[in-house]
Every structure is written in C-alpha cells, then in structure tokens.
Amino acid sequence: MENTFSISGQLIDIFKRSIYPATINVVNGIITSVKGVAEAPAQYILPGFIDSHVHIESSMLVPTEFARLAVIHGTVATISDPHEIANVCGEEGIRYMIENAAQTPFKFHFGAPSCVPATAFETAGATINAEGIEKLMNDPDIWYLAEVMNYPGVLYKDAEVMAKIHAAKRSGKPIDGHAPGLRGQDAGQYASAGITTDHECFTLEEALDKIAAGMKILIREGSAAKNYEALHSLIASHPASVMFCSDDKHPDDLVISHINAVVKRSLDKGYDLFDILRAACLHPVQHYNIPVGLLRENDPADFIVIDNPADFTILKTYINGELVSENGETLLPYKQAQSINSFNTNKRSPGDFKLSTTSDTPDIRVIEAMEGQLVTNEIIVKGKVHDGQIISDVANDILKIAVVNRYQPDMPVAVAFIKNFGLKNGALASTVAHDCHNIVVVGVTDTDICNAVNALIDAKGGVCVANGDKINCMPLPVAGLMSADKGTDVATLYAELDKKAKELGIALKSPFMTLSFMALLVIPALKLSDKGLFDGSKFAFTRVEV
C-alpha cells in the first residue's frame, strides 16, 4: 500500500542558501517533489543532523536505544566507529552492532576499526589484522576505515598499518584519522597516506595545519573531550572543511542534547546559518557517501521540523518519511537486546594493588588528568610512603590508579598515580576503559579499590562507586560497555552514580568519562595500560619511580 503525505513550512534550503515557503511531497519514504509556494505555516523544515564521528558504545546504550534518544534532538544518522566493542569481541562485536542497528530506521553507518588492539602495549579481547580489514572493507555494511590511531605507524610506514590503509583505498571508501597534536610536515605526511579527517585537534593551529594538508576537521564536543571553543572559528574561516561530532556521549548527556546543541551554540555566536548546517547535515553525507536525505527530489525523506532558527526547538524528526520523534518524545519502540561479552578474570585482593619502594622519599611520575581533554600531562612529585609502599596522598590529590586485565585470569595489576580526580574517600571503577576496556580504577585505599574492581568482576562489566561497605554499580552486560535497558533508565542510573562519585570529592564534570580515557595509550602524554605506565610522547613504557 502506498504511503503518501505532504508537509509545508519554511524550507531551509542548504543548496540555495535561502529560506522560502515550500511543500514537500513524500511517497513511500522518498521525496517526490519540493515545490515553492506562496504561503506556508511558520514552522521551519531542514535536513536532519548527523554526528560525523561517534562511538555508540560510549553512550552505554545499544544502537536501538541510542537512536530512541538521538532522534529527539533532530539527529537522523551517525558515522559510527564500533572500535570499542571490536576490542572486546572482535568481528563478532561489529556484527552485533550492525544487526542491532538494523532493527531501527535510524541511519547508522559503521566503519571498520583500524586499530584492534590500538597498540601492542595492552591486552585486548580480540585482534583484527590487515586481512580482516580487507574483508570488512568489502562489506556493504561497512562505510569507511575508522580512525587510524597508530599515527606513528603511518609516519614510519609500519607494514601492517599501511596494509590496512591500502585495503581501504582499494575499496574506495574514506579513511578517518586520529592524530592529536600532529602538526606541520608530520600532519602533511599523515594526510598524504590517504587519511581524510581528524577529530582530535585541540588547538586552532593544529587544525589549520591539517586543513592545509587536505583534511576535514571534525569539531568535537562530547561528554569528556570538548574542543568547540578552540575550533569554532573554522565555521567561518574554512566552512567547506568542517563537520560536527561528539566522539563520546554519555547517556545523561544524550538525554539532554546532541548535535543540535552545537548548532544552537554556533548560531548564538553569530555564525551563518547555512555554514553551520553544512557542517551539521551536508558535509557528512558528501564525505562518507551515505544515503541520507538533504531535502531534494528523490532523496530519502530524512528531515526535521523546528519552531524557528532563533530558538531552534526540535518539533518533529522524520527518517525515511516515518515520524520518529515529536515534541520531545521518541516514537521509536523499545526493543529488548541480547548480550555479548568477553570476560575472564578472577577476583582480586587488596595486596594486588600495592606498589613497593625502597625509598622513603621517591620521586614519582603522575598522570595529570585535564578537564574536558583526553590529553594528559606528566608531572613529577614526591610520593607518599607508608610501610615501604607508595600510597595515595589525598591532601595533595595524588591518588592511586590501576588497570586490571579482564581477559586473562591472575595477571599482574598495573599501578600508577593520578592527579585532579579529587577523591577524599572511596574509589570508582569502570570496564569502559578505552581502547581495550580492561578494568580501570582510581581510589584512596587499596581496600576500596579492590572492592570496586571485584564488584565489576561479579557483574562481568559496568561502572561502580565504592566507599567502605557501600558499593553502587551499574552493570553493563553487553561487552562490559553497554546496557540493554531503556536509555532513559540507563541515563537516570548513570546520573545517580555520577552524583555519588562527586559526593566523594570529585570535581570533574564527567568523572567516569575522564577515567575511561586514562588507559588510552595513543593520546599523550602519560597513560596506564594493564601492562604498565606508558609514555605516549615516546610511545614506550616508563617507570612510576623516576
């Protein structure tokens, strides 16, 4: 049976860079005509938003639930890197995401993760080699080669890294980048390998170097990494070279906003509406060659309706002609998801987290976490010693951090120290620990640290706050990364855990998100893997004691 409808309003036409009254006719999910008319209702119609780089797993929601929340904010599609679940479950994890996403009209476009594992300096649950990438790149469900994080491998032409890039080139699909801090000649060499985007720029100068090398810059504003303030001038200075992305969006944030918030923020700063919408709607479609409509005849009927360009309230969202959200309510049904996981470790004792020293006043390297950034600093401080053990120094906010291998039982625990978490008591732990998703924990005492870790081992993944005998956890049974529950319920529980963490003294806006990046070795300067403290600037292990 033919499904036909028409909608009229003030059309925001990205291609003509104009706004005019129009009627859009839709038959079976396809726009059959866009006609200018003399008069139309005061509502405004424009293409839906696209997140140009996001890890769905970081929302702690399966794709179907991510979609139910995202459409409320006018998002109709994503460019999604399933790198997180691939590091846990390999190709089976990628298939899980594709199959779950197929149950919703929302338009997910998954890439082939280029770095599984991200480095050889950590333990992951799976490996995807160049042969595996070749297979994935020839799959019609794979749209691009996801972020090439091993940028030293590109610069030094590592054979395996280059084989993955060549496989993507043969497929004719785009190659995403990830090269924080890379500038000048190095940025040019990285881009010349065929890498077309970067979402890791944290200074304007870095972004300009990469644009000069021919790359597109994805302006990132996520739950942890926030680069918009540093980069937003690109919207005016280089409007053809930018897109918007979140990279990582936690559930409590996704309930509130998505790409729409970046659009509104850009309008408030006075940028041209059409330049903003090119970044939010047009450029991802063109760059990744994805089948998302842009309000043209014969396009899929993917669009949103807003009240006006000043307030920018999302009234309705359509995907393939289906009304999927209206007046802040999702119309997509909840669907129960199955679980997939890889978890094989035994419970720990407090003694596993001790760090011995022969010095009474050791100089130690400390990870300095930065609010709103994935990069960290390395600082040197005097370690606090008790009974031959280096312990947390709460007075100076030097806390113990540890990473526990979740894939192999009884492996040694890696222990180091971190600043700027601000805990006065207790510990928080997570199996969302980029990129290999071992157990990462920060805390005051070895007992609290151990309790938090063991709670996650019992749950086979999740996030946890422990303080004495009070232990609060949110299980994440899907790969230790995602819940199968309703997105709003997950957001509420996550917000409660976030509150409990902050009651222990944490001042970070997103403590669990920040914690999740402290094992991300490909981001300088100092990080911790299950195998030890890692100097990202030298791409080599280093010692805690100087």
Protein backbone atom coordinates (compact mmCIF):
# COMPACT_ATOMS: atom_id res chain seq x y z
CA MET A 1 0.00 0.00 0.00
CA GLU A 2 1.37 3.40 -1.00
CA ASN A 3 2.30 5.66 1.92
CA THR A 4 1.92 9.28 0.83
CA PHE A 5 1.96 12.56 2.73
CA SER A 6 2.83 16.22 2.28
CA ILE A 7 4.30 18.74 4.68
CA SER A 8 4.52 22.51 4.27
CA GLY A 9 6.64 25.11 6.01
CA GLN A 10 9.54 27.48 5.60
CA LEU A 11 12.19 25.38 3.84
CA ILE A 12 15.78 25.98 4.92
CA ASP A 13 17.50 25.14 1.63
CA ILE A 14 21.21 24.46 2.19
CA PHE A 15 21.98 24.33 -1.53
CA LYS A 16 20.26 27.60 -2.46
CA ARG A 17 21.31 29.19 0.85
CA SER A 18 17.84 30.59 1.25
CA ILE A 19 14.63 30.15 3.25
CA TYR A 20 11.30 30.10 1.44
CA PRO A 21 7.77 28.67 1.79
CA ALA A 22 7.51 25.21 0.27
CA THR A 23 5.55 21.98 0.20
CA ILE A 24 7.38 18.65 0.34
CA ASN A 25 5.64 15.57 -1.07
CA VAL A 26 6.69 12.13 0.14
CA VAL A 27 5.80 8.72 -1.31
CA ASN A 28 7.00 5.52 0.39
CA GLY A 29 9.77 7.33 2.25
CA ILE A 30 11.13 9.20 -0.79
CA ILE A 31 10.73 12.89 -1.54
CA THR A 32 8.93 13.10 -4.91
CA SER A 33 8.84 16.88 -5.14
CA VAL A 34 9.86 20.07 -3.36
CA LYS A 35 7.72 22.98 -4.55
CA GLY A 36 7.93 26.61 -3.63
CA VAL A 37 4.52 28.03 -2.67
CA ALA A 38 3.09 31.47 -1.95
CA GLU A 39 2.35 30.76 1.69
CA ALA A 40 3.19 28.06 4.23
CA PRO A 41 2.98 27.56 8.01
CA ALA A 42 5.51 29.30 10.25
CA GLN A 43 7.31 26.03 11.07
CA TYR A 44 10.76 25.55 9.52
CA ILE A 45 11.89 22.38 7.70
CA LEU A 46 15.55 21.41 7.29
CA PRO A 47 17.73 18.30 6.86
CA GLY A 48 18.34 16.15 9.93
CA PHE A 49 21.62 16.29 11.85
CA ILE A 50 24.46 13.80 11.50
CA ASP A 51 27.08 13.01 14.15
CA SER A 52 30.17 12.67 11.95
CA HIS A 53 32.13 10.55 14.43
CA VAL A 54 30.76 8.73 17.45
CA HIS A 55 31.35 5.53 19.38
CA ILE A 56 27.81 4.35 20.13
CA GLU A 57 29.20 2.15 22.91
CA SER A 58 30.22 5.22 24.93
CA SER A 59 26.56 6.12 25.38
CA MET A 60 26.36 2.83 27.30
CA LEU A 61 23.36 2.06 25.10
CA VAL A 62 22.89 -0.44 22.28
CA PRO A 63 22.23 1.21 18.89
CA THR A 64 18.44 0.89 19.05
CA GLU A 65 18.37 2.76 22.36
CA PHE A 66 20.89 5.37 21.21
CA ALA A 67 18.54 6.03 18.30
CA ARG A 68 15.49 6.46 20.54
CA LEU A 69 17.24 9.31 22.38
CA ALA A 70 19.11 10.89 19.46
CA VAL A 71 16.04 11.43 17.26
CA ILE A 72 14.51 13.69 19.93
CA HIS A 73 17.34 16.13 19.20
CA GLY A 74 16.94 16.01 15.42
CA THR A 75 19.73 13.52 14.73
CA VAL A 76 18.88 11.15 11.89
CA ALA A 77 22.23 9.46 11.26
CA THR A 78 25.70 8.79 12.60
CA ILE A 79 29.13 7.86 11.34
CA SER A 80 29.83 5.20 13.96
CA ASP A 81 33.14 3.57 14.84
CA PRO A 82 32.48 0.20 16.58
CA HIS A 83 36.07 0.23 17.79
CA GLU A 84 35.11 -0.28 21.44
CA ILE A 85 33.12 -3.49 21.09
CA ALA A 86 35.60 -4.75 18.47
CA ASN A 87 38.40 -4.55 21.05
CA VAL A 88 36.31 -6.75 23.34
CA CYS A 89 34.61 -9.17 20.92
CA GLY A 90 36.33 -8.68 17.55
CA GLU A 91 34.37 -9.01 14.31
CA GLU A 92 31.52 -10.68 16.21
CA GLY A 93 31.09 -7.41 18.12
CA ILE A 94 30.92 -5.39 14.89
CA ARG A 95 28.24 -7.75 13.56
CA TYR A 96 26.33 -7.35 16.81
CA MET A 97 26.21 -3.58 16.33
CA ILE A 98 25.16 -3.83 12.68
CA GLU A 99 22.42 -6.35 13.42
CA ASN A 100 21.06 -4.41 16.39
CA ALA A 101 21.12 -1.16 14.38
CA ALA A 102 19.13 -2.83 11.58
CA GLN A 103 16.14 -3.01 13.94
CA THR A 104 15.62 0.77 13.84
CA PRO A 105 15.03 3.23 10.97
CA PHE A 106 17.79 5.46 12.36
CA LYS A 107 20.71 5.53 9.92
CA PHE A 108 23.88 4.14 11.49
CA HIS A 109 26.95 3.93 9.25
CA PHE A 110 29.62 1.73 10.79
CA GLY A 111 33.32 1.73 9.94
CA ALA A 112 35.95 -1.00 10.07
CA PRO A 113 38.04 -0.39 13.20
CA SER A 114 41.64 0.07 12.09
CA CYS A 115 43.29 -0.44 15.48
CA VAL A 116 42.19 -3.60 17.28
CA PRO A 117 44.05 -3.52 19.55
CA ALA A 118 45.02 0.14 19.44
CA THR A 119 48.64 -0.70 20.35
CA ALA A 120 50.81 -3.70 21.16
CA PHE A 121 51.30 -2.34 24.68
CA GLU A 122 47.98 -3.54 26.13
CA THR A 123 45.76 -6.61 26.27
CA ALA A 124 42.56 -6.62 24.22
CA GLY A 125 39.90 -9.25 23.77
CA ALA A 126 40.47 -9.56 20.02
CA THR A 127 42.70 -8.70 17.09
CA ILE A 128 41.67 -7.54 13.62
CA ASN A 129 44.60 -7.75 11.20
CA ALA A 130 45.02 -6.40 7.68
CA GLU A 131 43.33 -9.48 6.22
CA GLY A 132 40.34 -8.88 8.47
CA ILE A 133 40.21 -5.22 7.41
CA GLU A 134 40.27 -6.26 3.74
CA LYS A 135 37.25 -8.49 4.36
CA LEU A 136 35.37 -5.77 6.25
CA MET A 137 36.10 -3.04 3.71
CA ASN A 138 34.43 -5.15 1.01
CA ASP A 139 31.27 -5.47 3.13
CA PRO A 140 28.40 -3.17 2.04
CA ASP A 141 27.51 -2.65 5.72
CA ILE A 142 30.93 -1.00 6.29
CA TRP A 143 31.21 2.59 5.08
CA TYR A 144 34.77 3.66 5.89
CA LEU A 145 38.04 2.76 7.60
CA ALA A 146 37.67 4.05 11.15
CA GLU A 147 40.17 6.31 12.89
CA VAL A 148 43.78 5.34 12.22
CA MET A 149 45.07 5.93 15.75
CA ASN A 150 48.51 4.46 15.24
CA TYR A 151 49.83 7.64 13.66
CA PRO A 152 53.48 6.70 14.40
CA GLY A 153 52.79 3.58 12.33
CA VAL A 154 51.68 5.80 9.47
CA LEU A 155 54.65 8.15 9.76
CA TYR A 156 57.13 5.26 9.91
CA LYS A 157 55.21 3.21 7.33
CA ASP A 158 54.57 0.17 9.51
CA ALA A 159 53.74 -2.70 7.16
CA GLU A 160 50.56 -3.82 8.93
CA VAL A 161 49.20 -0.28 9.32
CA MET A 162 49.87 0.53 5.68
CA ALA A 163 48.26 -2.75 4.56
CA LYS A 164 45.04 -1.71 6.32
CA ILE A 165 45.13 1.71 4.67
CA HIS A 166 45.73 0.17 1.24
CA ALA A 167 42.77 -2.17 1.79
CA ALA A 168 40.57 0.88 2.42
CA LYS A 169 41.91 2.62 -0.67
CA ARG A 170 41.11 -0.40 -2.82
CA SER A 171 37.53 -0.31 -1.54
CA GLY A 172 37.19 3.35 -2.49
CA LYS A 173 35.86 4.18 0.97
CA PRO A 174 37.09 7.12 3.12
CA ILE A 175 39.77 6.79 5.80
CA ASP A 176 39.31 8.53 9.15
CA GLY A 177 42.21 9.90 11.16
CA HIS A 178 43.20 10.32 14.80
CA ALA A 179 46.44 12.19 15.36
CA PRO A 180 46.33 14.50 18.39
CA GLY A 181 48.93 17.26 18.32
CA LEU A 182 50.34 16.31 14.91
CA ARG A 183 51.40 19.44 13.02
CA GLY A 184 53.40 20.74 10.09
CA GLN A 185 55.29 18.26 7.97
CA ASP A 186 54.15 15.31 10.08
CA ALA A 187 50.49 16.27 9.59
CA GLY A 188 51.13 16.53 5.85
CA GLN A 189 52.76 13.11 5.75
CA TYR A 190 49.90 11.59 7.74
CA ALA A 191 47.32 13.06 5.36
CA SER A 192 49.30 12.02 2.28
CA ALA A 193 48.78 8.37 3.29
CA GLY A 194 45.14 8.88 2.30
CA ILE A 195 43.72 9.87 5.68
CA THR A 196 40.93 12.39 5.21
CA THR A 197 39.65 13.55 8.63
CA ASP A 198 40.72 14.29 12.17
CA HIS A 199 38.58 14.77 15.28
CA GLU A 200 41.45 15.11 17.78
CA CYS A 201 42.55 18.72 17.16
CA PHE A 202 42.69 20.66 20.43
CA THR A 203 44.26 23.88 19.11
CA LEU A 204 43.30 26.04 16.17
CA GLU A 205 46.86 25.99 14.84
CA GLU A 206 46.83 22.20 14.69
CA ALA A 207 43.51 22.21 12.85
CA LEU A 208 44.78 24.75 10.32
CA ASP A 209 47.86 22.62 9.62
CA LYS A 210 45.65 19.62 8.93
CA ILE A 211 43.26 21.60 6.73
CA ALA A 212 46.29 22.82 4.78
CA ALA A 213 47.22 19.15 4.31
CA GLY A 214 43.77 18.49 2.79
CA MET A 215 41.99 17.00 5.81
CA LYS A 216 38.48 17.70 7.07
CA ILE A 217 38.26 18.75 10.72
CA LEU A 218 35.53 17.22 12.88
CA ILE A 219 34.83 19.75 15.63
CA ARG A 220 34.30 17.58 18.69
CA GLU A 221 32.05 18.42 21.60
CA GLY A 222 31.45 15.29 23.66
CA SER A 223 30.98 14.36 27.30
CA ALA A 224 34.71 14.40 28.09
CA ALA A 225 36.60 15.98 25.18
CA LYS A 226 35.37 19.47 24.36
CA ASN A 227 37.21 21.24 21.55
CA TYR A 228 34.48 23.54 20.26
CA GLU A 229 35.76 26.70 21.92
CA ALA A 230 39.21 26.21 20.42
CA LEU A 231 37.98 25.42 16.92
CA HIS A 232 34.65 27.15 16.27
CA SER A 233 36.19 29.98 14.19
CA LEU A 234 36.73 27.37 11.45
CA ILE A 235 32.99 27.52 10.75
CA ALA A 236 33.55 30.96 9.22
CA SER A 237 37.17 30.76 8.06
CA HIS A 238 37.03 27.28 6.48
CA PRO A 239 33.32 26.42 6.11
CA ALA A 240 33.99 23.73 3.48
CA SER A 241 36.34 21.80 5.78
CA VAL A 242 34.37 21.20 8.99
CA MET A 243 31.82 18.80 10.45
CA PHE A 244 30.44 18.34 13.96
CA CYS A 245 30.88 15.25 16.12
CA SER A 246 30.54 14.09 19.71
CA ASP A 247 33.01 11.16 19.63
CA ASP A 248 31.77 10.00 23.04
CA LYS A 249 28.40 10.91 24.54
CA HIS A 250 27.36 9.54 27.92
CA PRO A 251 23.68 8.66 28.46
CA ASP A 252 22.85 11.50 30.83
CA ASP A 253 24.18 13.99 28.27
CA LEU A 254 22.41 12.31 25.35
CA VAL A 255 19.08 12.71 27.14
CA ILE A 256 19.67 16.48 27.16
CA SER A 257 21.14 17.22 23.73
CA HIS A 258 23.22 16.06 20.78
CA ILE A 259 24.41 17.84 17.61
CA ASN A 260 21.52 20.29 17.99
CA ALA A 261 23.33 21.89 20.93
CA VAL A 262 26.40 22.61 18.80
CA VAL A 263 24.19 24.07 16.06
CA LYS A 264 22.41 26.35 18.54
CA ARG A 265 25.69 27.37 20.15
CA SER A 266 27.12 28.28 16.76
CA LEU A 267 24.06 30.37 15.93
CA ASP A 268 24.40 32.16 19.27
CA LYS A 269 27.98 33.05 18.33
CA GLY A 270 26.70 34.69 15.17
CA TYR A 271 27.87 32.23 12.52
CA ASP A 272 26.00 31.95 9.24
CA LEU A 273 23.08 29.50 9.45
CA PHE A 274 23.95 27.82 6.17
CA ASP A 275 27.63 27.36 7.04
CA ILE A 276 26.53 25.75 10.32
CA LEU A 277 24.09 23.41 8.58
CA ARG A 278 26.72 22.42 6.01
CA ALA A 279 28.80 21.12 8.93
CA ALA A 280 25.85 19.52 10.72
CA CYS A 281 23.98 18.00 7.76
CA LEU A 282 25.61 18.28 4.34
CA HIS A 283 29.32 17.52 4.66
CA PRO A 284 28.97 14.09 6.34
CA VAL A 285 26.66 12.95 3.52
CA GLN A 286 29.10 14.14 0.87
CA HIS A 287 32.29 12.94 2.56
CA TYR A 288 31.11 9.45 3.52
CA ASN A 289 28.75 9.00 0.55
CA ILE A 290 25.91 7.90 2.81
CA PRO A 291 22.22 7.54 1.78
CA VAL A 292 20.83 10.29 4.00
CA GLY A 293 18.37 12.78 2.53
CA LEU A 294 19.07 16.50 2.17
CA LEU A 295 15.57 17.67 1.17
CA ARG A 296 16.00 17.21 -2.57
CA GLU A 297 13.72 15.44 -5.02
CA ASN A 298 14.38 11.66 -4.99
CA ASP A 299 16.18 11.87 -1.61
CA PRO A 300 15.07 9.77 1.35
CA ALA A 301 12.66 11.81 3.44
CA ASP A 302 15.08 12.48 6.33
CA PHE A 303 14.36 15.88 7.86
CA ILE A 304 13.41 17.81 10.95
CA VAL A 305 10.88 20.48 11.78
CA ILE A 306 11.78 23.32 14.15
CA ASP A 307 9.86 26.27 15.57
CA ASN A 308 12.26 28.94 14.28
CA PRO A 309 16.01 29.40 13.60
CA ALA A 310 16.43 31.55 16.71
CA ASP A 311 15.10 29.18 19.38
CA PHE A 312 15.77 26.05 17.30
CA THR A 313 13.37 23.81 19.23
CA ILE A 314 13.07 20.41 17.54
CA LEU A 315 9.36 19.76 16.95
CA LYS A 316 9.48 16.67 14.72
CA THR A 317 12.04 14.27 13.27
CA TYR A 318 11.40 12.15 10.18
CA ILE A 319 13.53 9.27 8.86
CA ASN A 320 12.57 7.67 5.53
CA GLY A 321 9.27 9.52 5.80
CA GLU A 322 8.49 7.99 9.21
CA LEU A 323 7.74 10.34 12.09
CA VAL A 324 10.19 9.10 14.75
CA SER A 325 10.02 11.92 17.29
CA GLU A 326 7.53 14.65 18.15
CA ASN A 327 7.58 17.40 20.77
CA GLY A 328 10.47 15.94 22.72
CA GLU A 329 9.14 12.39 22.79
CA THR A 330 10.62 9.46 20.91
CA LEU A 331 8.19 7.43 18.81
CA LEU A 332 10.64 4.57 18.23
CA PRO A 333 9.71 1.46 20.22
CA TYR A 334 11.96 -0.11 22.85
CA LYS A 335 13.38 -3.44 21.69
CA GLN A 336 14.97 -5.97 24.02
CA ALA A 337 18.57 -6.67 23.03
CA GLN A 338 20.66 -9.79 23.57
CA SER A 339 24.07 -9.63 25.27
CA ILE A 340 27.55 -10.42 24.01
CA ASN A 341 30.68 -10.36 26.18
CA SER A 342 34.27 -11.43 26.78
CA PHE A 343 35.25 -11.55 30.44
CA ASN A 344 37.64 -13.97 32.10
CA THR A 345 39.37 -12.82 35.26
CA ASN A 346 39.33 -13.81 38.91
CA LYS A 347 38.59 -11.68 41.93
CA ARG A 348 41.44 -9.66 43.42
CA SER A 349 42.76 -8.93 46.91
CA PRO A 350 43.93 -5.55 48.26
CA GLY A 351 47.52 -6.76 48.14
CA ASP A 352 47.34 -6.93 44.34
CA PHE A 353 47.24 -3.11 44.25
CA LYS A 354 50.30 -2.39 46.38
CA LEU A 355 53.30 -0.55 44.93
CA SER A 356 56.54 -1.17 46.82
CA THR A 357 59.52 1.18 47.07
CA THR A 358 62.95 1.12 48.70
CA SER A 359 62.98 4.90 49.09
CA ASP A 360 61.50 7.00 51.89
CA THR A 361 61.01 9.98 49.54
CA PRO A 362 60.65 8.65 46.00
CA ASP A 363 60.10 10.95 43.04
CA ILE A 364 57.18 9.53 41.08
CA ARG A 365 55.61 10.19 37.70
CA VAL A 366 51.96 11.19 37.98
CA ILE A 367 49.27 11.35 35.30
CA GLU A 368 47.70 14.80 35.39
CA ALA A 369 44.13 14.50 34.10
CA MET A 370 42.73 17.57 32.33
CA GLU A 371 39.12 18.71 32.48
CA GLY A 372 37.49 18.45 29.05
CA GLN A 373 40.54 16.92 27.37
CA LEU A 374 41.78 13.45 26.50
CA VAL A 375 45.40 14.57 26.62
CA THR A 376 47.17 14.38 29.98
CA ASN A 377 50.34 15.88 31.40
CA GLU A 378 53.22 14.15 33.14
CA ILE A 379 54.21 15.70 36.46
CA ILE A 380 56.86 14.65 38.96
CA VAL A 381 56.05 14.73 42.68
CA LYS A 382 57.32 13.27 45.94
CA GLY A 383 55.48 10.05 46.63
CA LYS A 384 53.86 9.38 49.99
CA VAL A 385 55.29 6.24 51.60
CA HIS A 386 53.88 4.03 54.36
CA ASP A 387 55.47 0.69 55.41
CA GLY A 388 57.53 0.51 52.20
CA GLN A 389 54.52 1.14 49.97
CA ILE A 390 53.74 4.22 47.85
CA ILE A 391 50.17 5.16 48.74
CA SER A 392 47.60 7.77 47.79
CA ASP A 393 48.34 11.28 49.04
CA VAL A 394 44.83 12.65 49.47
CA ALA A 395 45.99 16.01 50.83
CA ASN A 396 47.80 16.72 47.56
CA ASP A 397 45.24 14.95 45.35
CA ILE A 398 47.71 12.25 44.25
CA LEU A 399 45.59 9.09 44.01
CA LYS A 400 46.32 5.53 43.08
CA ILE A 401 45.11 4.35 39.68
CA ALA A 402 45.18 0.74 38.49
CA VAL A 403 44.30 -1.28 35.41
CA VAL A 404 43.29 -4.95 35.72
CA ASN A 405 43.37 -7.36 32.76
CA ARG A 406 39.79 -8.58 32.22
CA TYR A 407 40.58 -11.16 29.54
CA GLN A 408 43.14 -13.38 31.30
CA PRO A 409 42.95 -14.56 34.92
CA ASP A 410 45.51 -13.70 37.59
CA MET A 411 47.68 -11.38 35.51
CA PRO A 412 49.70 -8.73 37.41
CA VAL A 413 47.88 -5.48 38.10
CA ALA A 414 49.36 -2.27 36.70
CA VAL A 415 49.50 0.51 39.29
CA ALA A 416 50.38 4.21 38.99
CA PHE A 417 49.23 7.60 40.31
CA ILE A 418 46.94 10.34 39.03
CA LYS A 419 46.06 13.93 39.90
CA ASN A 420 42.87 16.02 39.57
CA PHE A 421 40.29 13.41 40.47
CA GLY A 422 39.96 14.93 43.94
CA LEU A 423 38.63 11.86 45.76
CA LYS A 424 38.64 12.22 49.55
CA ASN A 425 37.29 8.71 50.18
CA GLY A 426 36.43 5.57 48.25
CA ALA A 427 37.06 4.53 44.66
CA LEU A 428 35.42 4.47 41.26
CA ALA A 429 35.96 1.81 38.62
CA SER A 430 34.82 1.03 35.10
CA THR A 431 35.14 -1.53 32.32
CA VAL A 432 34.61 1.31 29.86
CA ALA A 433 38.35 1.91 29.51
CA HIS A 434 39.45 2.94 26.03
CA ASP A 435 40.51 1.21 24.00
CA CYS A 436 40.94 -2.34 25.29
CA HIS A 437 38.31 -2.00 28.03
CA ASN A 438 40.13 -3.66 30.83
CA ILE A 439 39.10 -2.62 34.35
CA VAL A 440 40.33 0.87 35.27
CA VAL A 441 40.01 2.13 38.84
CA VAL A 442 41.07 5.18 40.83
CA GLY A 443 40.80 5.36 44.60
CA VAL A 444 42.11 6.31 48.01
CA THR A 445 42.76 2.95 49.69
CA ASP A 446 43.69 -0.45 48.31
CA THR A 447 40.63 -1.94 50.02
CA ASP A 448 38.20 0.44 48.32
CA ILE A 449 39.99 -0.02 45.01
CA CYS A 450 39.76 -3.80 45.35
CA ASN A 451 36.08 -3.69 46.34
CA ALA A 452 35.19 -1.64 43.28
CA VAL A 453 37.13 -3.97 40.97
CA ASN A 454 35.59 -7.11 42.45
CA ALA A 455 32.09 -5.68 42.11
CA LEU A 456 32.71 -5.25 38.38
CA ILE A 457 34.15 -8.75 38.10
CA ASP A 458 30.95 -10.10 39.70
CA ALA A 459 28.85 -8.08 37.24
CA LYS A 460 31.08 -9.00 34.26
CA GLY A 461 31.36 -5.32 33.44
CA GLY A 462 29.93 -1.96 34.38
CA VAL A 463 30.68 1.22 36.32
CA CYS A 464 30.98 1.34 40.08
CA VAL A 465 31.44 3.62 43.09
CA ALA A 466 32.76 2.01 46.29
CA ASN A 467 33.17 3.62 49.71
CA GLY A 468 33.68 1.26 52.61
CA ASP A 469 30.78 -1.20 52.68
CA LYS A 470 28.71 1.00 50.32
CA ILE A 471 29.08 -0.29 46.79
CA ASN A 472 26.90 1.00 43.96
CA CYS A 473 27.20 -0.43 40.45
CA MET A 474 25.50 -0.15 37.08
CA PRO A 475 26.02 -3.43 35.20
CA LEU A 476 26.88 -3.21 31.50
CA PRO A 477 26.31 -6.79 30.33
CA VAL A 478 26.78 -6.06 26.61
CA ALA A 479 30.57 -6.42 26.24
CA GLY A 480 31.06 -4.65 29.57
CA LEU A 481 30.26 -1.47 27.63
CA MET A 482 26.51 -1.19 27.17
CA SER A 483 23.24 -1.82 28.92
CA ALA A 484 20.27 -3.43 27.17
CA ASP A 485 17.84 -1.37 29.25
CA LYS A 486 15.87 1.69 28.17
CA GLY A 487 18.05 4.70 27.50
CA THR A 488 16.21 6.96 29.93
CA ASP A 489 16.59 4.38 32.72
CA VAL A 490 20.31 4.00 32.00
CA ALA A 491 20.71 7.79 31.98
CA THR A 492 18.98 8.08 35.36
CA LEU A 493 21.08 5.36 36.99
CA TYR A 494 24.28 6.74 35.48
CA ALA A 495 23.44 10.22 36.79
CA GLU A 496 22.93 8.73 40.27
CA LEU A 497 26.36 7.07 40.15
CA ASP A 498 27.90 10.30 38.88
CA LYS A 499 26.38 12.10 41.85
CA LYS A 500 27.71 9.51 44.31
CA ALA A 501 31.20 9.85 42.80
CA LYS A 502 31.10 13.63 43.19
CA GLU A 503 29.94 13.28 46.80
CA LEU A 504 33.31 11.64 47.45
CA GLY A 505 35.10 14.85 46.45
CA ILE A 506 35.43 14.64 42.67
CA ALA A 507 35.22 17.98 40.89
CA LEU A 508 35.48 16.69 37.31
CA LYS A 509 32.34 17.29 35.23
CA SER A 510 32.33 13.73 33.82
CA PRO A 511 34.49 11.61 36.15
CA PHE A 512 33.64 8.23 34.61
CA MET A 513 34.22 9.56 31.10
CA THR A 514 37.56 11.06 32.13
CA LEU A 515 38.51 7.81 33.88
CA SER A 516 37.68 5.83 30.74
CA PHE A 517 40.40 7.66 28.79
CA MET A 518 43.21 7.18 31.31
CA ALA A 519 44.12 3.88 29.63
CA LEU A 520 44.05 5.33 26.09
CA LEU A 521 47.72 4.99 25.19
CA VAL A 522 47.52 6.70 21.80
CA ILE A 523 46.72 10.04 23.46
CA PRO A 524 49.78 11.70 25.10
CA ALA A 525 51.35 12.25 27.45
CA LEU A 526 51.07 9.68 30.24
CA LYS A 527 48.55 6.82 30.45
CA LEU A 528 48.25 3.40 32.09
CA SER A 529 47.56 0.05 30.42
CA ASP A 530 47.20 -3.37 32.02
CA LYS A 531 50.92 -3.84 31.25
CA GLY A 532 52.21 -0.67 32.88
CA LEU A 533 52.70 3.10 32.79
CA PHE A 534 53.03 4.37 29.22
CA ASP A 535 54.68 7.50 27.84
CA GLY A 536 52.56 8.43 24.83
CA SER A 537 55.07 11.03 23.67
CA LYS A 538 57.82 8.42 23.34
CA PHE A 539 55.40 5.55 22.62
CA ALA A 540 57.13 3.38 25.21
CA PHE A 541 56.66 2.14 28.77
CA THR A 542 58.12 4.13 31.61
CA ARG A 543 58.57 3.63 35.35
CA VAL A 544 56.44 5.12 38.12
CA GLU A 545 59.55 5.97 40.13
CA VAL A 546 61.84 8.43 38.38
